[in-house]
Amino acid sequence: MKIWLDNEIVDASKVAIDVDGWPSGDGIFETLRTEKGKVFELARHMRRAGTAAKNFQIKLPSEDEIRKAIRELLAAEPHEIGRLRLLFSKDRFIAVHQSYREITVPAKLKSADGSYLISAIAFKTFPYTHRLSLLEDARKSGFDEIICFTETGEITEGAVSNYLFLLDGKWITTPLSSGVLPGVQRAIVIERVGVEVRSINRGDLNRINAALVISSLKIALPVQAIDDRIIEIGQESLHLIAKIRAQTQSHSVG
């Protein structure tokens, strides 16, 4: 596999990239979806990366340098649908582009117990092992993602996803004050689709009529079950998914 390292394309073995595209060390990262050589919402991801870089005192490459890296990497590692990961540390810039398999099966969510409390994160940083371990635990239990809660019982987010819930006839996502990562896809559904923001408590789970998993890779995925309760995937969900996909933009970096 070829990756981008600082200012050139190199073999992944040069920096010991693991099978999921993670290098050693630590820093900040952004994960973006690609389709047919186009990148989804690059400007939004880079604005978030810029904010994180200031917080961690990391100097980002210039916009032109990042675009050149993406352009050359997508040419060296082309995929019909891809997962592009941009990783910035104090001493290097790495970009990895791998094939992404579209998820077509509706998700099953597991509500977390007290042992699964997660700390709020304002920035995407690596190593990302804690969040990935939560996801792996959910999968071992036969679920696709986990619904996490704050200590006061507010729904926060998943291990690697944000959520939308249909409650009392309105599509809702939980606020940043509940410890939610400011996800790019979350911002899109609020700003472009009109999803409402308000707190939802554990006690509201049984009143949820429909739910979607959202992320930069998944875009929007319907939920078929929360714990042992089957959730109907009706026209409300399908209509919203279509609207979200239409409002999520991709662009060439050429």
Protein backbone atom coordinates (compact mmCIF):
# COMPACT_ATOMS: atom_id res chain seq x y z
CA MET A 1 0.00 0.00 0.00
CA LYS A 2 1.17 3.51 -0.85
CA ILE A 3 0.68 6.43 1.54
CA TRP A 4 1.60 10.10 1.64
CA LEU A 5 4.40 11.03 4.05
CA ASP A 6 5.25 14.74 4.50
CA ASN A 7 5.89 15.61 0.84
CA GLU A 8 5.87 12.40 -1.21
CA ILE A 9 4.24 9.07 -1.91
CA VAL A 10 6.01 6.20 -0.09
CA ASP A 11 5.36 2.58 0.79
CA ALA A 12 3.33 2.14 3.98
CA SER A 13 6.02 -0.07 5.46
CA LYS A 14 8.24 2.99 5.79
CA VAL A 15 6.20 4.23 8.77
CA ALA A 16 4.57 0.98 9.97
CA ILE A 17 0.95 1.73 9.08
CA ASP A 18 -1.39 -0.94 10.49
CA VAL A 19 -4.11 -2.69 8.49
CA ASP A 20 -6.70 -0.05 9.42
CA GLY A 21 -4.51 2.85 8.33
CA TRP A 22 -3.22 3.99 11.72
CA PRO A 23 0.43 4.97 12.21
CA SER A 24 2.35 4.89 15.47
CA GLY A 25 2.65 8.05 17.52
CA ASP A 26 0.00 10.60 18.34
CA GLY A 27 -1.66 13.64 16.79
CA ILE A 28 -4.93 14.80 15.28
CA PHE A 29 -6.80 13.29 12.36
CA GLU A 30 -9.73 13.62 10.00
CA THR A 31 -11.47 10.75 8.21
CA LEU A 32 -13.17 11.58 4.93
CA ARG A 33 -15.23 9.64 2.43
CA THR A 34 -14.20 9.54 -1.22
CA GLU A 35 -16.12 8.42 -4.29
CA LYS A 36 -14.61 8.08 -7.76
CA GLY A 37 -11.72 10.38 -6.90
CA LYS A 38 -13.86 13.07 -5.27
CA VAL A 39 -13.59 13.99 -1.58
CA PHE A 40 -16.55 14.73 0.67
CA GLU A 41 -16.69 17.97 2.65
CA LEU A 42 -12.94 18.64 2.63
CA ALA A 43 -13.30 22.29 3.63
CA ARG A 44 -15.34 21.44 6.73
CA HIS A 45 -12.91 18.74 7.79
CA MET A 46 -9.96 21.09 7.38
CA ARG A 47 -11.65 23.82 9.42
CA ARG A 48 -12.09 21.35 12.24
CA ALA A 49 -8.50 20.13 11.85
CA GLY A 50 -7.29 23.74 11.97
CA THR A 51 -9.05 24.30 15.28
CA ALA A 52 -7.59 21.10 16.71
CA ALA A 53 -4.11 21.97 15.43
CA LYS A 54 -4.15 25.27 17.30
CA ASN A 55 -5.21 23.50 20.48
CA PHE A 56 -2.37 20.96 20.23
CA GLN A 57 0.18 23.40 18.78
CA ILE A 58 0.55 21.45 15.54
CA LYS A 59 1.54 23.32 12.40
CA LEU A 60 -0.57 22.12 9.48
CA PRO A 61 0.72 22.00 5.91
CA SER A 62 -0.69 24.65 3.59
CA GLU A 63 -4.00 24.06 1.82
CA ASP A 64 -2.14 23.63 -1.47
CA GLU A 65 0.15 21.01 0.09
CA ILE A 66 -2.77 19.07 1.53
CA ARG A 67 -4.65 19.16 -1.76
CA LYS A 68 -1.54 17.98 -3.62
CA ALA A 69 -1.13 15.12 -1.14
CA ILE A 70 -4.75 14.04 -1.57
CA ARG A 71 -4.63 14.33 -5.36
CA GLU A 72 -1.46 12.25 -5.70
CA LEU A 73 -2.55 9.70 -3.09
CA LEU A 74 -5.93 9.11 -4.74
CA ALA A 75 -4.11 8.57 -8.02
CA ALA A 76 -1.64 6.13 -6.42
CA GLU A 77 -4.32 4.29 -4.39
CA PRO A 78 -7.60 4.61 -6.35
CA HIS A 79 -10.84 3.20 -4.91
CA GLU A 80 -14.43 3.43 -6.11
CA ILE A 81 -15.43 4.32 -2.54
CA GLY A 82 -12.61 5.13 -0.16
CA ARG A 83 -11.69 6.07 3.38
CA LEU A 84 -9.22 8.93 3.33
CA ARG A 85 -7.47 9.57 6.62
CA LEU A 86 -5.39 12.71 7.15
CA LEU A 87 -3.10 12.48 10.19
CA PHE A 88 -1.15 15.45 11.52
CA SER A 89 1.54 15.27 14.18
CA LYS A 90 4.10 17.81 15.35
CA ASP A 91 6.77 16.14 13.21
CA ARG A 92 4.95 14.68 10.18
CA PHE A 93 1.90 14.63 7.92
CA ILE A 94 0.53 11.26 6.80
CA ALA A 95 -2.39 10.54 4.47
CA VAL A 96 -3.82 7.06 3.91
CA HIS A 97 -6.46 6.06 1.36
CA GLN A 98 -8.08 2.64 1.68
CA SER A 99 -11.10 0.93 0.19
CA TYR A 100 -14.35 1.47 2.10
CA ARG A 101 -17.15 -1.06 1.88
CA GLU A 102 -20.55 0.63 1.86
CA ILE A 103 -22.75 -0.52 4.74
CA THR A 104 -26.16 -1.55 3.43
CA VAL A 105 -27.58 -3.43 6.44
CA PRO A 106 -29.47 -1.25 8.97
CA ALA A 107 -27.68 -0.85 12.28
CA LYS A 108 -28.38 -2.48 15.62
CA LEU A 109 -27.49 -0.28 18.60
CA LYS A 110 -26.61 -1.33 22.13
CA SER A 111 -27.32 1.07 24.98
CA ALA A 112 -24.33 1.30 27.29
CA ASP A 113 -24.29 0.46 30.95
CA GLY A 114 -22.33 2.41 33.55
CA SER A 115 -19.03 0.74 32.65
CA TYR A 116 -19.15 2.28 29.19
CA LEU A 117 -19.04 5.95 30.18
CA ILE A 118 -16.88 7.91 27.75
CA SER A 119 -15.19 11.24 28.19
CA ALA A 120 -16.29 14.12 26.01
CA ILE A 121 -13.94 14.79 23.12
CA ALA A 122 -13.75 18.10 21.29
CA PHE A 123 -11.11 16.94 18.79
CA LYS A 124 -10.30 13.80 16.84
CA THR A 125 -6.97 12.53 18.14
CA PHE A 126 -4.99 9.35 17.71
CA PRO A 127 -4.30 6.82 19.14
CA TYR A 128 -8.05 6.22 18.92
CA THR A 129 -7.92 2.92 20.77
CA HIS A 130 -10.50 3.60 23.51
CA ARG A 131 -13.27 4.49 21.08
CA LEU A 132 -12.39 1.60 18.78
CA SER A 133 -12.41 -0.82 21.72
CA LEU A 134 -15.95 0.29 22.61
CA LEU A 135 -16.98 -0.38 19.02
CA GLU A 136 -15.36 -3.80 19.11
CA ASP A 137 -17.16 -4.66 22.36
CA ALA A 138 -20.50 -3.76 20.79
CA ARG A 139 -19.76 -5.93 17.77
CA LYS A 140 -18.79 -8.88 19.93
CA SER A 141 -22.25 -8.61 21.51
CA GLY A 142 -23.93 -8.73 18.10
CA PHE A 143 -24.46 -4.99 17.68
CA ASP A 144 -23.04 -2.44 15.24
CA GLU A 145 -22.61 0.56 17.56
CA ILE A 146 -23.11 1.65 21.14
CA ILE A 147 -25.22 4.45 22.58
CA CYS A 148 -23.20 6.14 25.32
CA PHE A 149 -24.47 8.30 28.16
CA THR A 150 -23.19 11.00 30.44
CA GLU A 151 -23.04 10.43 34.19
CA THR A 152 -26.41 12.20 34.47
CA GLY A 153 -28.04 9.87 31.93
CA GLU A 154 -28.03 12.09 28.86
CA ILE A 155 -27.49 10.38 25.53
CA THR A 156 -24.19 11.57 24.11
CA GLU A 157 -23.00 9.67 20.99
CA GLY A 158 -21.64 6.37 19.76
CA ALA A 159 -18.11 5.07 19.80
CA VAL A 160 -17.44 6.48 16.32
CA SER A 161 -20.79 7.94 15.24
CA ASN A 162 -23.37 10.61 15.98
CA TYR A 163 -27.09 9.80 16.12
CA LEU A 164 -30.39 11.26 14.98
CA PHE A 165 -33.58 10.25 16.78
CA LEU A 166 -37.22 10.69 15.79
CA LEU A 167 -38.95 11.67 19.01
CA ASP A 168 -42.35 13.37 19.41
CA GLY A 169 -42.54 13.82 15.65
CA LYS A 170 -39.20 15.67 15.36
CA TRP A 171 -35.72 14.60 14.27
CA ILE A 172 -33.30 15.43 17.06
CA THR A 173 -29.57 15.18 17.69
CA THR A 174 -27.94 15.72 21.06
CA PRO A 175 -26.05 18.94 21.91
CA LEU A 176 -22.32 19.47 22.28
CA SER A 177 -22.96 20.14 25.96
CA SER A 178 -23.80 16.42 26.29
CA GLY A 179 -20.20 15.58 25.39
CA VAL A 180 -20.75 15.09 21.67
CA LEU A 181 -17.88 15.45 19.21
CA PRO A 182 -18.64 18.31 16.77
CA GLY A 183 -18.99 15.94 13.85
CA VAL A 184 -18.90 17.19 10.28
CA GLN A 185 -21.95 15.15 9.32
CA ARG A 186 -23.74 16.34 12.45
CA ALA A 187 -23.17 19.97 11.42
CA ILE A 188 -24.51 19.24 7.94
CA VAL A 189 -27.80 17.77 9.19
CA ILE A 190 -28.31 20.71 11.56
CA GLU A 191 -27.42 23.48 9.11
CA ARG A 192 -28.67 22.07 5.81
CA VAL A 193 -31.42 19.63 6.77
CA GLY A 194 -32.96 21.31 9.82
CA VAL A 195 -32.47 18.64 12.48
CA GLU A 196 -33.24 19.99 15.96
CA VAL A 197 -30.69 20.00 18.77
CA ARG A 198 -31.76 19.13 22.31
CA SER A 199 -30.94 16.77 25.15
CA ILE A 200 -32.34 13.25 25.22
CA ASN A 201 -32.22 11.09 28.34
CA ARG A 202 -31.89 7.35 28.83
CA GLY A 203 -35.55 7.24 29.81
CA ASP A 204 -36.51 8.51 26.34
CA LEU A 205 -35.08 5.46 24.54
CA ASN A 206 -38.34 3.53 24.59
CA ARG A 207 -40.18 6.51 23.06
CA ILE A 208 -37.87 6.82 20.05
CA ASN A 209 -39.81 6.03 16.87
CA ALA A 210 -36.86 5.90 14.47
CA ALA A 211 -33.13 6.53 14.48
CA LEU A 212 -30.21 7.09 12.11
CA VAL A 213 -26.49 6.61 12.53
CA ILE A 214 -24.51 9.42 10.89
CA SER A 215 -20.80 9.79 10.20
CA SER A 216 -18.52 11.10 7.48
CA LEU A 217 -18.13 7.58 6.09
CA LYS A 218 -21.63 6.18 6.55
CA ILE A 219 -23.35 9.50 5.65
CA ALA A 220 -26.67 8.24 7.09
CA LEU A 221 -27.69 4.71 8.01
CA PRO A 222 -31.09 3.58 9.36
CA VAL A 223 -31.38 1.80 12.70
CA GLN A 224 -33.31 -1.45 12.92
CA ALA A 225 -33.02 -2.12 16.67
CA ILE A 226 -32.03 -0.54 19.97
CA ASP A 227 -31.12 -3.31 22.40
CA ASP A 228 -33.90 -5.89 21.98
CA ARG A 229 -36.49 -3.42 20.63
CA ILE A 230 -37.12 -3.48 16.89
CA ILE A 231 -37.28 -0.01 15.31
CA GLU A 232 -39.42 0.42 12.22
CA ILE A 233 -37.61 1.87 9.21
CA GLY A 234 -40.43 3.93 7.73
CA GLN A 235 -40.74 6.66 5.14
CA GLU A 236 -39.60 9.29 7.65
CA SER A 237 -36.21 7.60 7.88
CA LEU A 238 -35.86 6.93 4.16
CA HIS A 239 -36.85 10.48 3.27
CA LEU A 240 -34.36 11.97 5.71
CA ILE A 241 -31.55 9.70 4.51
CA ALA A 242 -32.16 10.79 0.92
CA LYS A 243 -32.18 14.44 1.99
CA ILE A 244 -28.94 14.09 3.97
CA ARG A 245 -27.18 12.37 1.07
CA ALA A 246 -28.32 15.09 -1.31
CA GLN A 247 -26.96 17.76 1.03
CA THR A 248 -23.56 16.09 1.59
CA GLN A 249 -21.21 17.46 -1.04
CA SER A 250 -18.18 16.01 -2.77
CA HIS A 251 -15.58 17.87 -4.84
CA SER A 252 -12.53 17.16 -6.94
CA VAL A 253 -9.18 18.27 -5.50
CA GLY A 254 -7.64 18.49 -8.98
